[in-house]
Amino acid sequence: MIGFFIKKAFYDGWDNLLAILVMNVAILAVAFGGWFLAGATIFFVPLSLAMLALTAAAEGVLFLSVSVLMARVANYQSFSFSDIGAALSSSWKHGALFGLLIAAIVFICSVAFPYYFALANMLGLALSIIIFWVAVVVALSLQWFLPIRSQLDSNFGKCLKKSFIIFFDNPGFSLFMFFYSLILAALSMVMVMLMPGFAGMILAHNNAFRLRMYKYDWLEEHPEIDIRTARKAVPWAELLAEDDDTVGHRTFKSFIFPWKD
């Protein structure tokens, strides 16, 4: 399943290079604009913090809107300019909440972890370790929020709950996606975060989540199999056969000169 996911994510990213580039430019523009305004108003701390909060909310809206569009790509669909407006319209509330939630988590961890670690005693060390592992679990879980909200559920609370359910049910795959995102982030740094960037990572998570849902569809179709046995016997080759035919195989020439195929 992982091998096919990597291939499909790469193909989808290549086929939507321009759209991903434009989305990343918008994300970076909002981020830099927000940091500039926060720096320009640093003389009045409440206003500077308000600028940072507004930036976090705006980025959340962009991230969720991009996820809505990338969910269409992951499902072999295209999107038009009108779809961008619809995505923004349907995502602004939950996107803003998600952005503020992430900002709050980052703020709490950045303050609490150094504080407790600096106590230099057993209590401080224990609390630092607890905060670290809670942050790890939260990070690995919330990476599924955007695709869940884009593909599965429109209730904010349920999306958060399902994010943790997906993580605890798929810890290995969640850890793989986390490191996969780190690799994409490292590649993005070379391209100044323009490619694959945040939009490319969001596309990858939508692809991963869509493919992972096949497991749950199969489990529902086979209630007669013991759940512990079924989880270890998911026939991924069979479940991905149709997608594999749809994605197909490409040569290097077809990537560079697709019109010659």
Protein backbone atom coordinates (compact mmCIF):
# COMPACT_ATOMS: atom_id res chain seq x y z
CA MET A 1 0.00 0.00 0.00
CA ILE A 2 2.81 2.40 0.88
CA GLY A 3 4.55 1.85 -2.45
CA PHE A 4 1.40 2.60 -4.40
CA PHE A 5 0.67 5.65 -2.22
CA ILE A 6 4.10 7.12 -2.97
CA LYS A 7 3.59 6.58 -6.72
CA LYS A 8 0.11 8.08 -6.76
CA ALA A 9 1.12 11.06 -4.62
CA PHE A 10 4.02 11.78 -6.97
CA TYR A 11 1.90 11.44 -10.11
CA ASP A 12 -0.85 13.67 -8.70
CA GLY A 13 1.70 16.24 -7.60
CA TRP A 14 3.36 16.26 -11.01
CA ASP A 15 0.04 16.63 -12.81
CA ASN A 16 -0.90 19.61 -10.63
CA LEU A 17 2.43 21.41 -10.41
CA LEU A 18 1.07 24.82 -11.37
CA ALA A 19 -1.90 24.66 -9.01
CA ILE A 20 0.35 23.54 -6.13
CA LEU A 21 2.79 26.36 -6.90
CA VAL A 22 0.03 29.00 -6.82
CA MET A 23 -1.38 27.60 -3.56
CA ASN A 24 2.05 27.65 -1.94
CA VAL A 25 2.60 31.24 -3.03
CA ALA A 26 -0.70 32.22 -1.37
CA ILE A 27 0.21 30.36 1.83
CA LEU A 28 3.66 31.97 1.98
CA ALA A 29 2.28 35.43 1.19
CA VAL A 30 -0.15 35.25 4.11
CA ALA A 31 2.55 33.93 6.44
CA PHE A 32 5.10 36.60 5.55
CA GLY A 33 2.44 39.32 5.55
CA GLY A 34 1.30 38.30 9.01
CA TRP A 35 4.82 38.18 10.42
CA PHE A 36 5.56 41.59 8.93
CA LEU A 37 2.46 43.14 10.52
CA ALA A 38 3.22 41.46 13.84
CA GLY A 39 6.75 42.86 13.73
CA ALA A 40 5.56 46.30 12.70
CA THR A 41 3.19 46.47 15.69
CA ILE A 42 5.58 44.97 18.26
CA PHE A 43 5.56 48.32 20.11
CA PHE A 44 2.00 47.40 21.22
CA VAL A 45 2.16 43.75 22.27
CA PRO A 46 -1.62 43.03 22.33
CA LEU A 47 -1.95 44.26 18.74
CA SER A 48 1.10 42.25 17.66
CA LEU A 49 -0.33 39.10 19.23
CA ALA A 50 -3.66 39.81 17.54
CA MET A 51 -1.85 39.98 14.20
CA LEU A 52 -0.25 36.60 14.86
CA ALA A 53 -3.61 35.09 15.83
CA LEU A 54 -5.22 36.53 12.70
CA THR A 55 -2.40 35.09 10.60
CA ALA A 56 -2.84 31.65 12.19
CA ALA A 57 -6.58 31.77 11.48
CA ALA A 58 -6.01 32.87 7.88
CA GLU A 59 -3.47 30.11 7.32
CA GLY A 60 -5.92 27.59 8.74
CA VAL A 61 -8.55 28.74 6.24
CA LEU A 62 -6.05 28.41 3.39
CA PHE A 63 -4.86 24.99 4.53
CA LEU A 64 -8.38 23.59 4.78
CA SER A 65 -9.42 25.16 1.47
CA VAL A 66 -6.36 23.63 -0.21
CA SER A 67 -7.24 20.30 1.39
CA VAL A 68 -10.76 20.44 -0.06
CA LEU A 69 -9.29 20.93 -3.54
CA MET A 70 -6.55 18.34 -3.04
CA ALA A 71 -9.20 15.83 -1.94
CA ARG A 72 -10.71 16.20 -5.40
CA VAL A 73 -7.31 15.57 -6.98
CA ALA A 74 -6.79 12.48 -4.81
CA ASN A 75 -10.16 11.23 -6.05
CA TYR A 76 -9.14 11.64 -9.74
CA GLN A 77 -11.16 14.84 -10.18
CA SER A 78 -10.14 18.27 -11.37
CA PHE A 79 -11.16 21.65 -9.98
CA SER A 80 -11.91 25.02 -11.51
CA PHE A 81 -11.73 28.63 -10.33
CA SER A 82 -15.31 28.43 -9.05
CA ASP A 83 -14.33 25.45 -6.89
CA ILE A 84 -11.70 27.60 -5.17
CA GLY A 85 -14.36 30.08 -4.07
CA ALA A 86 -16.62 27.28 -2.89
CA ALA A 87 -13.75 25.71 -0.93
CA LEU A 88 -13.00 29.00 0.83
CA SER A 89 -16.67 29.55 1.57
CA SER A 90 -17.14 26.10 3.09
CA SER A 91 -13.85 26.09 5.00
CA TRP A 92 -13.40 29.49 6.58
CA LYS A 93 -14.99 28.74 9.96
CA HIS A 94 -13.38 25.37 10.66
CA GLY A 95 -10.17 26.43 8.97
CA ALA A 96 -9.86 29.44 11.29
CA LEU A 97 -10.58 27.27 14.33
CA PHE A 98 -7.99 24.73 13.22
CA GLY A 99 -5.37 27.42 12.65
CA LEU A 100 -5.99 28.95 16.07
CA LEU A 101 -5.92 25.50 17.68
CA ILE A 102 -2.52 24.72 16.16
CA ALA A 103 -1.21 28.15 17.20
CA ALA A 104 -2.44 27.58 20.77
CA ILE A 105 -0.81 24.14 20.94
CA VAL A 106 2.50 25.48 19.64
CA PHE A 107 2.37 28.39 22.12
CA ILE A 108 1.57 26.15 25.10
CA CYS A 109 4.32 23.66 24.23
CA SER A 110 6.90 26.39 23.56
CA VAL A 111 6.22 27.91 26.98
CA ALA A 112 5.53 24.85 29.13
CA PHE A 113 8.32 22.55 27.92
CA PRO A 114 11.26 24.97 28.49
CA TYR A 115 9.76 26.09 31.82
CA TYR A 116 9.42 22.62 33.32
CA PHE A 117 12.74 21.46 31.87
CA ALA A 118 14.49 24.47 33.42
CA LEU A 119 13.31 23.44 36.90
CA ALA A 120 16.17 20.91 36.85
CA ASN A 121 14.48 18.47 39.21
CA MET A 122 12.65 15.16 38.90
CA LEU A 123 9.20 16.77 38.80
CA GLY A 124 10.23 19.16 36.07
CA LEU A 125 11.86 16.36 34.07
CA ALA A 126 8.78 14.15 34.42
CA LEU A 127 6.42 16.92 33.33
CA SER A 128 8.70 17.78 30.40
CA ILE A 129 8.62 14.16 29.22
CA ILE A 130 4.84 14.02 29.57
CA ILE A 131 4.41 17.26 27.61
CA PHE A 132 6.78 16.00 24.92
CA TRP A 133 4.89 12.73 24.37
CA VAL A 134 1.51 14.42 24.50
CA ALA A 135 2.76 16.83 21.83
CA VAL A 136 3.97 13.90 19.71
CA VAL A 137 0.59 12.16 19.92
CA VAL A 138 -1.26 15.38 19.13
CA ALA A 139 0.99 16.12 16.14
CA LEU A 140 0.66 12.58 14.73
CA SER A 141 -3.12 12.70 15.20
CA LEU A 142 -3.88 16.18 13.90
CA GLN A 143 -2.05 15.50 10.64
CA TRP A 144 -5.25 13.60 9.71
CA PHE A 145 -7.62 16.48 10.51
CA LEU A 146 -7.51 18.17 7.10
CA PRO A 147 -8.22 15.07 4.97
CA ILE A 148 -10.91 13.90 7.41
CA ARG A 149 -12.63 17.30 7.24
CA SER A 150 -12.27 17.34 3.44
CA GLN A 151 -13.42 13.80 2.73
CA LEU A 152 -15.36 12.37 5.64
CA ASP A 153 -17.07 14.69 8.09
CA SER A 154 -18.07 18.35 8.35
CA ASN A 155 -18.40 18.46 12.15
CA PHE A 156 -15.33 20.08 13.73
CA GLY A 157 -15.47 18.14 16.99
CA LYS A 158 -16.03 14.82 15.25
CA CYS A 159 -13.13 15.52 12.91
CA LEU A 160 -10.83 16.09 15.87
CA LYS A 161 -12.05 12.90 17.52
CA LYS A 162 -11.63 10.86 14.34
CA SER A 163 -8.12 12.26 13.90
CA PHE A 164 -7.09 10.61 17.16
CA ILE A 165 -8.99 7.43 16.29
CA ILE A 166 -7.13 7.15 12.98
CA PHE A 167 -3.80 7.65 14.73
CA PHE A 168 -4.37 5.09 17.49
CA ASP A 169 -5.70 2.59 14.95
CA ASN A 170 -2.82 3.22 12.52
CA PRO A 171 0.19 4.34 14.62
CA GLY A 172 2.77 2.88 12.25
CA PHE A 173 1.27 4.45 9.15
CA SER A 174 0.79 7.76 10.98
CA LEU A 175 4.46 7.74 11.94
CA PHE A 176 5.39 6.94 8.33
CA MET A 177 3.32 9.91 7.10
CA PHE A 178 4.98 12.18 9.63
CA PHE A 179 8.47 11.28 8.39
CA TYR A 180 7.25 11.37 4.79
CA SER A 181 6.12 14.96 5.44
CA LEU A 182 9.52 15.78 6.94
CA ILE A 183 11.18 14.53 3.75
CA LEU A 184 8.82 16.65 1.65
CA ALA A 185 9.59 19.62 3.91
CA ALA A 186 13.33 19.10 3.40
CA LEU A 187 12.84 18.96 -0.38
CA SER A 188 10.64 22.04 -0.18
CA MET A 189 13.37 24.01 1.56
CA VAL A 190 15.52 23.55 -1.53
CA MET A 191 12.67 25.05 -3.59
CA VAL A 192 12.04 27.87 -1.10
CA MET A 193 8.83 26.11 0.03
CA LEU A 194 7.29 26.55 -3.43
CA MET A 195 7.39 22.84 -4.41
CA PRO A 196 6.06 20.58 -3.09
CA GLY A 197 5.51 22.86 -0.13
CA PHE A 198 2.50 22.81 2.15
CA ALA A 199 0.06 22.17 -0.71
CA GLY A 200 2.06 19.12 -1.77
CA MET A 201 2.04 17.78 1.79
CA ILE A 202 -1.71 18.32 2.04
CA LEU A 203 -2.19 16.47 -1.25
CA ALA A 204 -0.10 13.57 0.08
CA HIS A 205 -2.18 13.31 3.25
CA ASN A 206 -5.42 13.35 1.27
CA ASN A 207 -4.10 10.54 -0.90
CA ALA A 208 -2.94 8.58 2.13
CA PHE A 209 -6.24 9.00 3.95
CA ARG A 210 -8.34 8.10 0.91
CA LEU A 211 -6.37 4.88 0.36
CA ARG A 212 -6.40 4.03 4.06
CA MET A 213 -10.20 4.20 4.11
CA TYR A 214 -10.28 1.12 1.88
CA LYS A 215 -9.25 -0.87 4.94
CA TYR A 216 -12.32 0.24 6.88
CA ASP A 217 -14.64 -0.44 3.94
CA TRP A 218 -13.21 -3.96 3.73
CA LEU A 219 -13.59 -4.51 7.48
CA GLU A 220 -17.25 -3.49 7.29
CA GLU A 221 -17.83 -5.94 4.44
CA HIS A 222 -16.33 -8.83 6.45
CA PRO A 223 -17.81 -8.67 9.96
CA GLU A 224 -17.54 -12.45 10.21
CA ILE A 225 -13.74 -12.22 10.49
CA ASP A 226 -12.30 -11.60 13.95
CA ILE A 227 -11.30 -7.95 14.06
CA ARG A 228 -7.75 -8.67 15.28
CA THR A 229 -7.24 -11.20 12.51
CA ALA A 230 -8.86 -8.99 9.87
CA ARG A 231 -6.59 -6.02 10.60
CA LYS A 232 -3.56 -8.16 9.80
CA ALA A 233 -5.09 -9.68 6.67
CA VAL A 234 -6.22 -6.64 4.70
CA PRO A 235 -5.82 -7.62 0.99
CA TRP A 236 -4.21 -4.38 -0.15
CA ALA A 237 -3.31 -5.69 -3.62
CA GLU A 238 -6.96 -6.51 -4.26
CA LEU A 239 -8.28 -3.28 -2.76
CA LEU A 240 -5.87 -1.12 -4.76
CA ALA A 241 -6.19 -3.00 -8.07
CA GLU A 242 -8.65 -0.55 -9.63
CA ASP A 243 -6.66 2.48 -8.48
CA ASP A 244 -3.49 0.89 -9.79
CA ASP A 245 -5.10 0.47 -13.22
CA THR A 246 -6.33 4.06 -13.14
CA VAL A 247 -2.97 5.52 -12.14
CA GLY A 248 -1.10 3.27 -14.57
CA HIS A 249 2.62 3.43 -15.26
CA ARG A 250 4.61 6.25 -16.82
CA THR A 251 8.02 6.44 -18.40
CA PHE A 252 10.45 9.26 -17.80
CA LYS A 253 9.68 10.60 -21.26
CA SER A 254 5.97 10.72 -20.47
CA PHE A 255 6.67 13.01 -17.51
CA ILE A 256 8.66 15.47 -19.58
CA PHE A 257 6.85 15.11 -22.90
CA PRO A 258 3.35 13.77 -22.11
CA TRP A 259 2.02 14.75 -25.55
CA LYS A 260 4.40 12.24 -27.20
CA ASP A 261 2.84 9.25 -25.42
